[in-house]
Every structure is written in C-alpha cells, then in structure tokens.
Amino acid sequence: MLEILTGAFSGIFSGIGMGGGTILIFLLTTFVNIEQHIAQATNLIYFVPTAISAIVVNYKNKNLDLKIAFNISFWGIVGAIIGSIISVNTDVSTLKKYFGIFLLIVAINEIYMLLKKRK
C-alpha cells in the first residue's frame, strides 16, 4: 500500500512538472527504507512512463517547442551518462549527503522565488 501511495503522490508532482522523481527518491529512502542507489535507479524506470504521459498531454496542448526539447534531450542524455557513472562510483552515505544538499538548494531557491514574487 505504501508503494501505491508513494507512486501516486510522486506521479501527481511529475504531472504538474514539480520534480516527481525528487519526491519519489525522498519517499523511497525515507518511508520505504530503500537504499539510495536503488531509489535512484527505481526513479529512472519510473520516469520513463510518467515522462511519456506528460509529453503526450503537453504536445496535445501545444506546450512543446520540439527544437528546444530535442536539443535539451540530447545533452540530458550525455549528462545522465556522466551522472550515472558518478553515482555508481559514489558510496551511499556520500550520495545521500549530495542529494540532501541538492534538496536544500531547491528549497532555498523556491522560497527565494516565492518571496521575490510577493514583492
């Protein structure tokens, strides 16, 4: 049941473009007690169908610039290869620290953007 709730919750965030994968990794490591490497790999598999769903919906709504999307996708693949090599060669505790720092930076940025928008 916990896996169903985790998938649904992160799917909602993915659908609205708010980083469902980031939420998924956090939920898997915190509440389902899955090791960081496994949570990240699970996120990669999870990402494929959720991304395809989001692409279809956004394409139908004419929200895609295909030229930019293909360019970003190509370089995203290059970055993913580099990142996965780094991840596989990094121990779990260090990887968790990096992920925590990443989440902290995202949170600070979101708070900053919210405060900036209010002014």
C-alpha atoms as a PDB file:
ATOM      1  CA  MET A   1       0.000   0.000   0.000  1.00  0.00           C
ATOM      2  CA  LEU A   2       2.854   2.363   0.838  1.00  0.00           C
ATOM      3  CA  GLU A   3       4.351   1.838  -2.623  1.00  0.00           C
ATOM      4  CA  ILE A   4       0.989   2.705  -4.246  1.00  0.00           C
ATOM      5  CA  LEU A   5       0.722   5.938  -2.260  1.00  0.00           C
ATOM      6  CA  THR A   6       4.359   6.779  -2.992  1.00  0.00           C
ATOM      7  CA  GLY A   7       3.857   6.254  -6.730  1.00  0.00           C
ATOM      8  CA  ALA A   8       0.599   8.214  -6.841  1.00  0.00           C
ATOM      9  CA  PHE A   9       1.965  11.128  -4.814  1.00  0.00           C
ATOM     10  CA  SER A  10       5.133  11.454  -6.882  1.00  0.00           C
ATOM     11  CA  GLY A  11       3.110  10.956 -10.088  1.00  0.00           C
ATOM     12  CA  ILE A  12       0.974  13.969  -9.225  1.00  0.00           C
ATOM     13  CA  PHE A  13       4.099  16.074  -8.757  1.00  0.00           C
ATOM     14  CA  SER A  14       5.544  14.735 -12.026  1.00  0.00           C
ATOM     15  CA  GLY A  15       2.372  15.575 -13.900  1.00  0.00           C
ATOM     16  CA  ILE A  16       2.458  19.189 -12.801  1.00  0.00           C
ATOM     17  CA  GLY A  17       6.177  19.471 -13.538  1.00  0.00           C
ATOM     18  CA  MET A  18       7.417  19.842  -9.979  1.00  0.00           C
ATOM     19  CA  GLY A  19      10.041  17.123  -9.808  1.00  0.00           C
ATOM     20  CA  GLY A  20       8.131  13.972  -9.002  1.00  0.00           C
ATOM     21  CA  GLY A  21      11.374  11.995  -9.220  1.00  0.00           C
ATOM     22  CA  THR A  22      12.924  14.069  -6.472  1.00  0.00           C
ATOM     23  CA  ILE A  23       9.878  13.447  -4.321  1.00  0.00           C
ATOM     24  CA  LEU A  24       9.968   9.741  -5.227  1.00  0.00           C
ATOM     25  CA  ILE A  25      13.600   9.317  -4.166  1.00  0.00           C
ATOM     26  CA  PHE A  26      12.905  11.078  -0.880  1.00  0.00           C
ATOM     27  CA  LEU A  27       9.815   8.958  -0.173  1.00  0.00           C
ATOM     28  CA  LEU A  28      11.529   5.690  -1.110  1.00  0.00           C
ATOM     29  CA  THR A  29      14.572   6.317   1.072  1.00  0.00           C
ATOM     30  CA  THR A  30      12.666   7.807   3.996  1.00  0.00           C
ATOM     31  CA  PHE A  31       9.456   5.820   4.271  1.00  0.00           C
ATOM     32  CA  VAL A  32      10.016   2.630   2.257  1.00  0.00           C
ATOM     33  CA  ASN A  33      13.614   2.275   3.548  1.00  0.00           C
ATOM     34  CA  ILE A  34      15.178   1.634   0.150  1.00  0.00           C
ATOM     35  CA  GLU A  35      18.906   2.252  -0.327  1.00  0.00           C
ATOM     36  CA  GLN A  36      19.770   5.495  -2.164  1.00  0.00           C
ATOM     37  CA  HIS A  37      21.271   3.780  -5.241  1.00  0.00           C
ATOM     38  CA  ILE A  38      18.192   1.566  -5.623  1.00  0.00           C
ATOM     39  CA  ALA A  39      15.837   4.529  -5.121  1.00  0.00           C
ATOM     40  CA  GLN A  40      17.645   6.488  -7.823  1.00  0.00           C
ATOM     41  CA  ALA A  41      17.565   3.561 -10.246  1.00  0.00           C
ATOM     42  CA  THR A  42      13.872   2.999  -9.464  1.00  0.00           C
ATOM     43  CA  ASN A  43      13.274   6.676 -10.184  1.00  0.00           C
ATOM     44  CA  LEU A  44      14.866   6.278 -13.621  1.00  0.00           C
ATOM     45  CA  ILE A  45      12.476   3.456 -14.527  1.00  0.00           C
ATOM     46  CA  TYR A  46       9.541   5.385 -13.028  1.00  0.00           C
ATOM     47  CA  PHE A  47      10.499   8.433 -15.057  1.00  0.00           C
ATOM     48  CA  VAL A  48      10.026   6.843 -18.500  1.00  0.00           C
ATOM     49  CA  PRO A  49       6.235   6.223 -18.431  1.00  0.00           C
ATOM     50  CA  THR A  50       5.479   9.367 -16.430  1.00  0.00           C
ATOM     51  CA  ALA A  51       7.541  11.487 -18.823  1.00  0.00           C
ATOM     52  CA  ILE A  52       5.840   9.942 -21.852  1.00  0.00           C
ATOM     53  CA  SER A  53       2.434  10.687 -20.317  1.00  0.00           C
ATOM     54  CA  ALA A  54       3.411  14.298 -19.640  1.00  0.00           C
ATOM     55  CA  ILE A  55       4.864  14.667 -23.156  1.00  0.00           C
ATOM     56  CA  VAL A  56       1.627  13.434 -24.752  1.00  0.00           C
ATOM     57  CA  VAL A  57      -0.541  15.805 -22.710  1.00  0.00           C
ATOM     58  CA  ASN A  58       1.743  18.796 -23.292  1.00  0.00           C
ATOM     59  CA  TYR A  59       2.087  18.000 -27.006  1.00  0.00           C
ATOM     60  CA  LYS A  60      -1.710  17.905 -27.383  1.00  0.00           C
ATOM     61  CA  ASN A  61      -1.920  21.271 -25.627  1.00  0.00           C
ATOM     62  CA  LYS A  62       0.796  22.697 -27.914  1.00  0.00           C
ATOM     63  CA  ASN A  63       3.126  23.418 -24.997  1.00  0.00           C
ATOM     64  CA  LEU A  64       6.254  21.953 -26.595  1.00  0.00           C
ATOM     65  CA  ASP A  65       8.990  23.570 -28.637  1.00  0.00           C
ATOM     66  CA  LEU A  66      10.331  20.428 -30.295  1.00  0.00           C
ATOM     67  CA  LYS A  67      13.606  22.023 -31.431  1.00  0.00           C
ATOM     68  CA  ILE A  68      14.488  23.051 -27.883  1.00  0.00           C
ATOM     69  CA  ALA A  69      13.170  19.746 -26.484  1.00  0.00           C
ATOM     70  CA  PHE A  70      15.386  17.647 -28.766  1.00  0.00           C
ATOM     71  CA  ASN A  71      18.451  19.781 -28.054  1.00  0.00           C
ATOM     72  CA  ILE A  72      17.921  19.605 -24.299  1.00  0.00           C
ATOM     73  CA  SER A  73      17.163  15.869 -24.528  1.00  0.00           C
ATOM     74  CA  PHE A  74      20.418  15.135 -26.329  1.00  0.00           C
ATOM     75  CA  TRP A  75      22.510  16.964 -23.745  1.00  0.00           C
ATOM     76  CA  GLY A  76      20.373  15.493 -20.965  1.00  0.00           C
ATOM     77  CA  ILE A  77      21.318  12.013 -22.178  1.00  0.00           C
ATOM     78  CA  VAL A  78      25.004  12.982 -22.144  1.00  0.00           C
ATOM     79  CA  GLY A  79      24.605  14.365 -18.610  1.00  0.00           C
ATOM     80  CA  ALA A  80      22.692  11.267 -17.484  1.00  0.00           C
ATOM     81  CA  ILE A  81      25.509   9.007 -18.637  1.00  0.00           C
ATOM     82  CA  ILE A  82      28.082  11.107 -16.779  1.00  0.00           C
ATOM     83  CA  GLY A  83      25.858  11.333 -13.682  1.00  0.00           C
ATOM     84  CA  SER A  84      25.183   7.611 -13.567  1.00  0.00           C
ATOM     85  CA  ILE A  85      28.898   6.857 -13.790  1.00  0.00           C
ATOM     86  CA  ILE A  86      29.495   9.245 -10.885  1.00  0.00           C
ATOM     87  CA  SER A  87      26.596   7.749  -8.891  1.00  0.00           C
ATOM     88  CA  VAL A  88      27.701   4.139  -9.318  1.00  0.00           C
ATOM     89  CA  ASN A  89      31.184   5.055  -8.110  1.00  0.00           C
ATOM     90  CA  THR A  90      29.987   7.024  -5.056  1.00  0.00           C
ATOM     91  CA  ASP A  91      29.247   5.377  -1.712  1.00  0.00           C
ATOM     92  CA  VAL A  92      25.696   5.537  -0.351  1.00  0.00           C
ATOM     93  CA  SER A  93      26.363   7.915   2.549  1.00  0.00           C
ATOM     94  CA  THR A  94      28.083  10.445   0.305  1.00  0.00           C
ATOM     95  CA  LEU A  95      25.308  10.117  -2.277  1.00  0.00           C
ATOM     96  CA  LYS A  96      22.691  10.775   0.408  1.00  0.00           C
ATOM     97  CA  LYS A  97      24.578  13.894   1.514  1.00  0.00           C
ATOM     98  CA  TYR A  98      24.750  15.193  -2.063  1.00  0.00           C
ATOM     99  CA  PHE A  99      21.041  14.509  -2.523  1.00  0.00           C
ATOM    100  CA  GLY A 100      20.258  16.327   0.738  1.00  0.00           C
ATOM    101  CA  ILE A 101      22.336  19.320  -0.353  1.00  0.00           C
ATOM    102  CA  PHE A 102      20.508  19.297  -3.689  1.00  0.00           C
ATOM    103  CA  LEU A 103      17.120  19.294  -1.920  1.00  0.00           C
ATOM    104  CA  LEU A 104      18.249  22.124   0.349  1.00  0.00           C
ATOM    105  CA  ILE A 105      19.330  24.225  -2.647  1.00  0.00           C
ATOM    106  CA  VAL A 106      15.997  23.555  -4.379  1.00  0.00           C
ATOM    107  CA  ALA A 107      14.083  24.535  -1.224  1.00  0.00           C
ATOM    108  CA  ILE A 108      16.080  27.743  -0.761  1.00  0.00           C
ATOM    109  CA  ASN A 109      15.542  28.643  -4.412  1.00  0.00           C
ATOM    110  CA  GLU A 110      11.788  28.001  -4.168  1.00  0.00           C
ATOM    111  CA  ILE A 111      11.488  30.141  -1.021  1.00  0.00           C
ATOM    112  CA  TYR A 112      13.540  32.898  -2.671  1.00  0.00           C
ATOM    113  CA  MET A 113      11.361  32.831  -5.812  1.00  0.00           C
ATOM    114  CA  LEU A 114       8.201  32.917  -3.683  1.00  0.00           C
ATOM    115  CA  LEU A 115       9.449  35.927  -1.707  1.00  0.00           C
ATOM    116  CA  LYS A 116      10.623  37.659  -4.885  1.00  0.00           C
ATOM    117  CA  LYS A 117       7.202  37.131  -6.461  1.00  0.00           C
ATOM    118  CA  ARG A 118       5.426  38.700  -3.477  1.00  0.00           C
ATOM    119  CA  LYS A 119       7.389  41.959  -3.732  1.00  0.00           C
END
